[in-house]
Amino acid sequence: MNEIQFKPLCDVDLNELSNILNKQKIRIHLIQHDQFNAESINAWVNEKIRVDQQPGCRVRAVFIDEKLAGWCGIQPDGDSYEVAIVIDDQYWGTGLTIFKQVMQWATEFGLERVMIHLLETRKNYKFLNKMAVKKITTHMLGHDFVTYILAV
């Protein structure tokens, strides 16, 4: 099995991170936005570092076999919390292991529920269907999402 590590975003090479987040295979699963440049990736990381400091939140870079693979975390979502996992396509298949770790963080924080928003174009995830307390369609930022509400 691959060794997975979670490190603060301040320890990440921003050029490497922007290269991952700018890949077309990754972008098709995210809300459409301009590609990251040096200024915008720095602002994005600073915002995630601010989120990381909030109660109930944790945002980390994901390293697999000591190579930057993406990011994950728990971040605020209105009165609740959202789980986010964005990893390079070469590491697809490790998402479930990363998800389990993020859910452990949610347990540590004493969260009762978390949400996962996936663009409606994403495939159906059987394990999320089984885990979800509720599955709804939400409309945010001009897009439709399948939102899975999970008990922690």
N, C-alpha and C. Protein backbone atom coordinates (compact mmCIF):
# COMPACT_ATOMS: atom_id res chain seq x y z
N MET A 1 0.83 -1.19 0.00
CA MET A 1 0.00 0.00 0.00
C MET A 1 0.87 1.24 0.00
N ASN A 2 0.38 2.28 -0.61
CA ASN A 2 1.09 3.56 -0.66
C ASN A 2 1.06 4.23 0.72
N GLU A 3 2.16 4.91 1.06
CA GLU A 3 2.20 5.66 2.31
C GLU A 3 1.56 7.02 2.08
N ILE A 4 0.53 7.34 2.88
CA ILE A 4 -0.17 8.61 2.76
C ILE A 4 0.16 9.47 3.97
N GLN A 5 0.55 10.72 3.70
CA GLN A 5 0.84 11.68 4.76
C GLN A 5 0.00 12.93 4.53
N PHE A 6 -0.34 13.61 5.61
CA PHE A 6 -1.11 14.84 5.57
C PHE A 6 -0.26 15.93 6.20
N LYS A 7 0.00 16.99 5.43
CA LYS A 7 0.87 18.06 5.89
C LYS A 7 0.16 19.40 5.73
N PRO A 8 0.53 20.39 6.55
CA PRO A 8 -0.05 21.73 6.40
C PRO A 8 0.24 22.29 5.01
N LEU A 9 -0.71 23.05 4.49
CA LEU A 9 -0.54 23.63 3.16
C LEU A 9 0.64 24.59 3.08
N CYS A 10 1.04 25.16 4.22
CA CYS A 10 2.18 26.08 4.20
C CYS A 10 3.49 25.36 3.88
N ASP A 11 3.48 24.01 3.93
CA ASP A 11 4.67 23.21 3.64
C ASP A 11 4.72 22.70 2.20
N VAL A 12 3.87 23.26 1.34
CA VAL A 12 3.71 22.75 -0.03
C VAL A 12 4.36 23.68 -1.04
N ASP A 13 4.95 23.10 -2.07
CA ASP A 13 5.43 23.88 -3.21
C ASP A 13 4.20 24.32 -3.99
N LEU A 14 3.94 25.62 -4.01
CA LEU A 14 2.72 26.14 -4.64
C LEU A 14 2.68 25.89 -6.14
N ASN A 15 3.82 25.86 -6.77
CA ASN A 15 3.86 25.56 -8.21
C ASN A 15 3.39 24.12 -8.46
N GLU A 16 3.85 23.19 -7.64
CA GLU A 16 3.40 21.79 -7.77
C GLU A 16 1.90 21.67 -7.54
N LEU A 17 1.41 22.36 -6.51
CA LEU A 17 -0.02 22.30 -6.21
C LEU A 17 -0.85 22.89 -7.34
N SER A 18 -0.43 24.02 -7.87
CA SER A 18 -1.20 24.62 -8.97
C SER A 18 -1.15 23.74 -10.21
N ASN A 19 -0.03 23.06 -10.44
CA ASN A 19 0.04 22.13 -11.58
C ASN A 19 -1.00 21.02 -11.45
N ILE A 20 -1.18 20.50 -10.25
CA ILE A 20 -2.19 19.47 -10.03
C ILE A 20 -3.59 20.05 -10.22
N LEU A 21 -3.86 21.17 -9.57
CA LEU A 21 -5.21 21.75 -9.62
C LEU A 21 -5.57 22.30 -10.99
N ASN A 22 -4.59 22.57 -11.83
CA ASN A 22 -4.85 23.08 -13.17
C ASN A 22 -5.00 21.96 -14.21
N LYS A 23 -4.75 20.71 -13.84
CA LYS A 23 -4.88 19.60 -14.79
C LYS A 23 -6.33 19.47 -15.23
N GLN A 24 -6.53 19.27 -16.52
CA GLN A 24 -7.89 19.16 -17.06
C GLN A 24 -8.66 18.00 -16.45
N LYS A 25 -8.00 16.87 -16.20
CA LYS A 25 -8.68 15.72 -15.61
C LYS A 25 -9.19 16.01 -14.20
N ILE A 26 -8.57 16.95 -13.52
CA ILE A 26 -9.01 17.34 -12.18
C ILE A 26 -10.10 18.41 -12.29
N ARG A 27 -9.88 19.38 -13.16
CA ARG A 27 -10.80 20.52 -13.30
C ARG A 27 -12.21 20.11 -13.72
N ILE A 28 -12.35 19.04 -14.48
CA ILE A 28 -13.69 18.66 -14.93
C ILE A 28 -14.58 18.21 -13.77
N HIS A 29 -13.97 17.91 -12.62
CA HIS A 29 -14.74 17.49 -11.45
C HIS A 29 -14.97 18.62 -10.45
N LEU A 30 -14.52 19.81 -10.81
CA LEU A 30 -14.64 20.96 -9.91
C LEU A 30 -15.47 22.06 -10.55
N ILE A 31 -15.88 23.02 -9.75
CA ILE A 31 -16.58 24.18 -10.29
C ILE A 31 -15.62 24.90 -11.24
N GLN A 32 -16.14 25.32 -12.36
CA GLN A 32 -15.30 25.99 -13.35
C GLN A 32 -14.75 27.30 -12.78
N HIS A 33 -13.46 27.49 -12.95
CA HIS A 33 -12.78 28.71 -12.50
C HIS A 33 -11.52 28.88 -13.34
N ASP A 34 -10.98 30.09 -13.30
CA ASP A 34 -9.75 30.35 -14.03
C ASP A 34 -8.64 29.45 -13.50
N GLN A 35 -7.70 29.12 -14.38
CA GLN A 35 -6.56 28.34 -13.92
C GLN A 35 -5.76 29.16 -12.90
N PHE A 36 -5.12 28.44 -11.99
CA PHE A 36 -4.32 29.10 -10.98
C PHE A 36 -3.04 29.64 -11.59
N ASN A 37 -2.64 30.82 -11.10
CA ASN A 37 -1.33 31.37 -11.41
C ASN A 37 -0.65 31.61 -10.06
N ALA A 38 0.53 32.19 -10.07
CA ALA A 38 1.29 32.36 -8.83
C ALA A 38 0.51 33.18 -7.80
N GLU A 39 -0.16 34.21 -8.24
CA GLU A 39 -0.90 35.07 -7.32
C GLU A 39 -2.16 34.37 -6.79
N SER A 40 -2.92 33.74 -7.68
CA SER A 40 -4.18 33.14 -7.25
C SER A 40 -3.97 31.88 -6.40
N ILE A 41 -2.93 31.10 -6.67
CA ILE A 41 -2.70 29.91 -5.82
C ILE A 41 -2.25 30.34 -4.44
N ASN A 42 -1.48 31.42 -4.36
CA ASN A 42 -1.06 31.93 -3.06
C ASN A 42 -2.27 32.41 -2.26
N ALA A 43 -3.18 33.13 -2.90
CA ALA A 43 -4.40 33.60 -2.23
C ALA A 43 -5.27 32.42 -1.80
N TRP A 44 -5.40 31.42 -2.66
CA TRP A 44 -6.22 30.24 -2.35
C TRP A 44 -5.64 29.50 -1.14
N VAL A 45 -4.34 29.29 -1.14
CA VAL A 45 -3.69 28.59 -0.02
C VAL A 45 -3.85 29.40 1.27
N ASN A 46 -3.66 30.71 1.20
CA ASN A 46 -3.84 31.54 2.39
C ASN A 46 -5.26 31.43 2.95
N GLU A 47 -6.25 31.37 2.06
CA GLU A 47 -7.64 31.20 2.50
C GLU A 47 -7.83 29.84 3.16
N LYS A 48 -7.26 28.79 2.59
CA LYS A 48 -7.39 27.46 3.19
C LYS A 48 -6.66 27.39 4.53
N ILE A 49 -5.55 28.09 4.67
CA ILE A 49 -4.84 28.14 5.96
C ILE A 49 -5.72 28.84 6.98
N ARG A 50 -6.43 29.90 6.57
CA ARG A 50 -7.37 30.59 7.47
C ARG A 50 -8.50 29.64 7.88
N VAL A 51 -9.04 28.89 6.92
CA VAL A 51 -10.09 27.92 7.22
C VAL A 51 -9.59 26.88 8.21
N ASP A 52 -8.36 26.42 8.01
CA ASP A 52 -7.75 25.40 8.86
C ASP A 52 -7.71 25.82 10.33
N GLN A 53 -7.68 27.11 10.59
CA GLN A 53 -7.59 27.62 11.95
C GLN A 53 -8.94 27.71 12.66
N GLN A 54 -10.03 27.46 11.92
CA GLN A 54 -11.36 27.54 12.51
C GLN A 54 -11.70 26.25 13.25
N PRO A 55 -12.49 26.37 14.33
CA PRO A 55 -12.90 25.16 15.06
C PRO A 55 -13.64 24.19 14.14
N GLY A 56 -13.32 22.90 14.27
CA GLY A 56 -13.99 21.87 13.49
C GLY A 56 -13.46 21.72 12.09
N CYS A 57 -12.43 22.47 11.74
CA CYS A 57 -11.90 22.44 10.38
C CYS A 57 -10.46 21.94 10.37
N ARG A 58 -10.11 21.30 9.30
CA ARG A 58 -8.72 20.91 9.06
C ARG A 58 -8.55 20.80 7.56
N VAL A 59 -7.53 21.46 7.04
CA VAL A 59 -7.22 21.41 5.61
C VAL A 59 -5.74 21.03 5.49
N ARG A 60 -5.49 19.98 4.71
CA ARG A 60 -4.13 19.46 4.59
C ARG A 60 -3.78 19.13 3.14
N ALA A 61 -2.50 19.22 2.87
CA ALA A 61 -1.96 18.69 1.62
C ALA A 61 -1.84 17.19 1.80
N VAL A 62 -2.06 16.47 0.72
CA VAL A 62 -1.94 15.01 0.73
C VAL A 62 -0.67 14.64 -0.02
N PHE A 63 0.17 13.86 0.65
CA PHE A 63 1.38 13.33 0.02
C PHE A 63 1.25 11.82 -0.03
N ILE A 64 1.55 11.25 -1.17
CA ILE A 64 1.54 9.80 -1.33
C ILE A 64 2.93 9.38 -1.77
N ASP A 65 3.51 8.49 -0.97
CA ASP A 65 4.90 8.08 -1.19
C ASP A 65 5.80 9.30 -1.33
N GLU A 66 5.58 10.27 -0.45
CA GLU A 66 6.37 11.49 -0.33
C GLU A 66 6.23 12.45 -1.51
N LYS A 67 5.24 12.23 -2.36
CA LYS A 67 5.00 13.13 -3.49
C LYS A 67 3.66 13.83 -3.30
N LEU A 68 3.63 15.14 -3.57
CA LEU A 68 2.39 15.88 -3.44
C LEU A 68 1.33 15.28 -4.37
N ALA A 69 0.16 14.96 -3.78
CA ALA A 69 -0.91 14.32 -4.55
C ALA A 69 -2.17 15.17 -4.61
N GLY A 70 -2.28 16.21 -3.78
CA GLY A 70 -3.48 17.04 -3.77
C GLY A 70 -3.75 17.60 -2.39
N TRP A 71 -5.04 17.76 -2.08
CA TRP A 71 -5.40 18.31 -0.78
C TRP A 71 -6.73 17.70 -0.33
N CYS A 72 -6.99 17.83 0.96
CA CYS A 72 -8.25 17.35 1.51
C CYS A 72 -8.57 18.17 2.75
N GLY A 73 -9.79 18.03 3.21
CA GLY A 73 -10.09 18.70 4.45
C GLY A 73 -11.55 18.72 4.81
N ILE A 74 -11.77 19.31 5.97
CA ILE A 74 -13.09 19.62 6.47
C ILE A 74 -13.15 21.13 6.55
N GLN A 75 -14.16 21.71 5.91
CA GLN A 75 -14.29 23.17 5.88
C GLN A 75 -15.74 23.56 6.17
N PRO A 76 -15.95 24.79 6.60
CA PRO A 76 -17.32 25.21 6.93
C PRO A 76 -18.21 25.23 5.70
N ASP A 77 -19.47 24.93 5.94
CA ASP A 77 -20.49 24.96 4.88
C ASP A 77 -21.78 25.42 5.54
N GLY A 78 -21.97 26.72 5.60
CA GLY A 78 -23.13 27.26 6.30
C GLY A 78 -23.05 26.91 7.77
N ASP A 79 -24.09 26.25 8.28
CA ASP A 79 -24.10 25.83 9.68
C ASP A 79 -23.52 24.44 9.87
N SER A 80 -22.96 23.88 8.82
CA SER A 80 -22.44 22.53 8.86
C SER A 80 -20.99 22.53 8.38
N TYR A 81 -20.53 21.34 7.98
CA TYR A 81 -19.17 21.18 7.51
C TYR A 81 -19.17 20.33 6.24
N GLU A 82 -18.22 20.64 5.37
CA GLU A 82 -18.08 19.93 4.11
C GLU A 82 -16.75 19.18 4.09
N VAL A 83 -16.77 17.98 3.56
CA VAL A 83 -15.56 17.22 3.32
C VAL A 83 -15.16 17.46 1.87
N ALA A 84 -13.89 17.76 1.66
CA ALA A 84 -13.38 17.97 0.30
C ALA A 84 -12.12 17.12 0.13
N ILE A 85 -12.04 16.46 -1.02
CA ILE A 85 -10.85 15.67 -1.37
C ILE A 85 -10.58 15.92 -2.85
N VAL A 86 -9.41 16.45 -3.14
CA VAL A 86 -9.02 16.72 -4.52
C VAL A 86 -7.61 16.16 -4.71
N ILE A 87 -7.53 15.08 -5.48
CA ILE A 87 -6.22 14.45 -5.68
C ILE A 87 -5.94 14.26 -7.17
N ASP A 88 -4.66 14.26 -7.48
CA ASP A 88 -4.17 14.06 -8.84
C ASP A 88 -4.70 12.73 -9.38
N ASP A 89 -5.05 12.72 -10.64
CA ASP A 89 -5.65 11.52 -11.24
C ASP A 89 -4.75 10.30 -11.16
N GLN A 90 -3.44 10.49 -11.07
CA GLN A 90 -2.56 9.32 -10.96
C GLN A 90 -2.73 8.61 -9.62
N TYR A 91 -3.41 9.27 -8.66
CA TYR A 91 -3.64 8.67 -7.34
C TYR A 91 -5.11 8.31 -7.10
N TRP A 92 -5.92 8.43 -8.15
CA TRP A 92 -7.30 8.00 -7.98
C TRP A 92 -7.29 6.54 -7.56
N GLY A 93 -8.14 6.21 -6.65
CA GLY A 93 -8.13 4.88 -6.05
C GLY A 93 -7.69 4.94 -4.60
N THR A 94 -7.02 6.03 -4.22
CA THR A 94 -6.62 6.20 -2.82
C THR A 94 -7.62 7.09 -2.07
N GLY A 95 -8.63 7.57 -2.78
CA GLY A 95 -9.59 8.48 -2.18
C GLY A 95 -10.32 7.93 -0.97
N LEU A 96 -10.65 6.64 -0.99
CA LEU A 96 -11.37 6.05 0.13
C LEU A 96 -10.51 6.05 1.39
N THR A 97 -9.23 5.76 1.25
CA THR A 97 -8.32 5.80 2.40
C THR A 97 -8.22 7.22 2.95
N ILE A 98 -8.12 8.20 2.07
CA ILE A 98 -8.06 9.60 2.49
C ILE A 98 -9.38 9.99 3.16
N PHE A 99 -10.49 9.57 2.57
CA PHE A 99 -11.82 9.85 3.13
C PHE A 99 -11.93 9.31 4.56
N LYS A 100 -11.46 8.10 4.80
CA LYS A 100 -11.53 7.52 6.14
C LYS A 100 -10.75 8.36 7.15
N GLN A 101 -9.61 8.89 6.73
CA GLN A 101 -8.83 9.74 7.63
C GLN A 101 -9.57 11.04 7.93
N VAL A 102 -10.15 11.64 6.91
CA VAL A 102 -10.89 12.89 7.10
C VAL A 102 -12.08 12.64 8.04
N MET A 103 -12.74 11.51 7.90
CA MET A 103 -13.85 11.19 8.79
C MET A 103 -13.37 10.97 10.23
N GLN A 104 -12.15 10.47 10.40
CA GLN A 104 -11.56 10.36 11.74
C GLN A 104 -11.37 11.75 12.35
N TRP A 105 -10.94 12.70 11.52
CA TRP A 105 -10.81 14.07 12.02
C TRP A 105 -12.16 14.60 12.47
N ALA A 106 -13.19 14.34 11.67
CA ALA A 106 -14.54 14.79 12.02
C ALA A 106 -14.96 14.21 13.37
N THR A 107 -14.63 12.95 13.61
CA THR A 107 -14.92 12.32 14.90
C THR A 107 -14.16 13.01 16.01
N GLU A 108 -12.87 13.27 15.80
CA GLU A 108 -12.04 13.97 16.80
C GLU A 108 -12.64 15.32 17.17
N PHE A 109 -13.18 16.03 16.18
CA PHE A 109 -13.76 17.35 16.40
C PHE A 109 -15.14 17.28 17.05
N GLY A 110 -15.71 16.10 17.13
CA GLY A 110 -17.04 15.95 17.71
C GLY A 110 -18.15 16.40 16.77
N LEU A 111 -17.88 16.40 15.47
CA LEU A 111 -18.92 16.78 14.52
C LEU A 111 -19.96 15.67 14.44
N GLU A 112 -21.21 16.07 14.28
CA GLU A 112 -22.28 15.07 14.17
C GLU A 112 -22.53 14.66 12.73
N ARG A 113 -22.44 15.63 11.82
CA ARG A 113 -22.68 15.36 10.40
C ARG A 113 -21.73 16.18 9.55
N VAL A 114 -21.43 15.65 8.38
CA VAL A 114 -20.66 16.37 7.37
C VAL A 114 -21.35 16.16 6.03
N MET A 115 -21.05 17.03 5.10
CA MET A 115 -21.60 16.91 3.76
C MET A 115 -20.48 16.74 2.74
N ILE A 116 -20.82 16.08 1.67
CA ILE A 116 -19.93 15.99 0.51
C ILE A 116 -20.75 16.45 -0.68
N HIS A 117 -20.26 17.48 -1.37
CA HIS A 117 -20.92 17.99 -2.56
C HIS A 117 -20.14 17.52 -3.79
N LEU A 118 -20.80 16.77 -4.65
CA LEU A 118 -20.17 16.33 -5.90
C LEU A 118 -20.98 16.88 -7.06
N LEU A 119 -20.28 17.44 -8.04
CA LEU A 119 -20.98 17.92 -9.23
C LEU A 119 -21.89 16.81 -9.75
N GLU A 120 -23.05 17.20 -10.21
CA GLU A 120 -24.04 16.22 -10.66
C GLU A 120 -23.52 15.34 -11.80
N THR A 121 -22.48 15.79 -12.48
CA THR A 121 -21.90 15.02 -13.58
C THR A 121 -21.02 13.87 -13.08
N ARG A 122 -20.71 13.86 -11.79
CA ARG A 122 -19.84 12.80 -11.24
C ARG A 122 -20.59 11.49 -11.18
N LYS A 123 -19.83 10.41 -11.18
CA LYS A 123 -20.44 9.09 -11.08
C LYS A 123 -21.07 8.90 -9.71
N ASN A 124 -21.97 7.94 -9.63
CA ASN A 124 -22.63 7.59 -8.39
C ASN A 124 -21.67 6.73 -7.55
N TYR A 125 -21.50 7.08 -6.30
CA TYR A 125 -20.61 6.34 -5.42
C TYR A 125 -21.43 5.47 -4.48
N LYS A 126 -21.35 4.15 -4.68
CA LYS A 126 -22.15 3.22 -3.89
C LYS A 126 -21.86 3.34 -2.40
N PHE A 127 -20.56 3.49 -2.03
CA PHE A 127 -20.23 3.56 -0.61
C PHE A 127 -20.82 4.81 0.03
N LEU A 128 -20.91 5.93 -0.71
CA LEU A 128 -21.53 7.14 -0.17
C LEU A 128 -23.04 6.96 -0.05
N ASN A 129 -23.65 6.29 -1.03
CA ASN A 129 -25.08 6.00 -0.93
C ASN A 129 -25.40 5.20 0.32
N LYS A 130 -24.55 4.23 0.64
CA LYS A 130 -24.77 3.38 1.82
C LYS A 130 -24.56 4.17 3.11
N MET A 131 -23.59 5.06 3.12
CA MET A 131 -23.25 5.81 4.33
C MET A 131 -24.19 6.99 4.58
N ALA A 132 -24.76 7.52 3.52
CA ALA A 132 -25.51 8.77 3.64
C ALA A 132 -26.77 8.62 4.47
N VAL A 133 -26.96 9.57 5.36
CA VAL A 133 -28.20 9.69 6.10
C VAL A 133 -29.27 10.23 5.14
N LYS A 134 -28.79 11.09 4.23
CA LYS A 134 -29.67 11.72 3.27
C LYS A 134 -28.85 12.08 2.03
N LYS A 135 -29.50 12.02 0.88
CA LYS A 135 -28.86 12.40 -0.38
C LYS A 135 -29.82 13.37 -1.06
N ILE A 136 -29.33 14.57 -1.37
CA ILE A 136 -30.17 15.59 -1.96
C ILE A 136 -29.46 16.27 -3.12
N THR A 137 -30.22 16.96 -3.93
CA THR A 137 -29.64 17.79 -4.98
C THR A 137 -29.61 19.21 -4.45
N THR A 138 -28.46 19.86 -4.58
CA THR A 138 -28.32 21.25 -4.16
C THR A 138 -27.84 22.08 -5.34
N HIS A 139 -28.18 23.33 -5.32
CA HIS A 139 -27.74 24.25 -6.37
C HIS A 139 -26.89 25.33 -5.70
N MET A 140 -25.63 25.41 -6.11
CA MET A 140 -24.69 26.38 -5.54
C MET A 140 -23.81 26.92 -6.65
N LEU A 141 -23.53 28.20 -6.57
CA LEU A 141 -22.57 28.82 -7.47
C LEU A 141 -22.88 28.52 -8.94
N GLY A 142 -24.18 28.42 -9.25
CA GLY A 142 -24.60 28.20 -10.63
C GLY A 142 -24.51 26.77 -11.11
N HIS A 143 -24.31 25.82 -10.20
CA HIS A 143 -24.16 24.42 -10.57
C HIS A 143 -25.05 23.53 -9.70
N ASP A 144 -25.43 22.38 -10.24
CA ASP A 144 -26.16 21.38 -9.47
C ASP A 144 -25.18 20.37 -8.91
N PHE A 145 -25.42 19.99 -7.66
CA PHE A 145 -24.58 19.03 -6.96
C PHE A 145 -25.43 17.93 -6.39
N VAL A 146 -24.86 16.75 -6.28
CA VAL A 146 -25.42 15.69 -5.44
C VAL A 146 -24.74 15.88 -4.09
N THR A 147 -25.54 16.10 -3.07
CA THR A 147 -25.01 16.31 -1.74
C THR A 147 -25.33 15.11 -0.87
N TYR A 148 -24.30 14.52 -0.34
CA TYR A 148 -24.43 13.40 0.57
C TYR A 148 -24.27 13.95 1.98
N ILE A 149 -25.24 13.70 2.84
CA ILE A 149 -25.16 14.11 4.24
C ILE A 149 -24.82 12.84 5.03
N LEU A 150 -23.69 12.89 5.72
CA LEU A 150 -23.15 11.71 6.41
C LEU A 150 -23.14 11.93 7.91
N ALA A 151 -23.56 10.93 8.66
CA ALA A 151 -23.41 10.94 10.11
C ALA A 151 -21.96 10.60 10.39
N VAL A 152 -21.39 11.30 11.36
CA VAL A 152 -19.99 11.03 11.73
C VAL A 152 -19.96 9.93 12.77
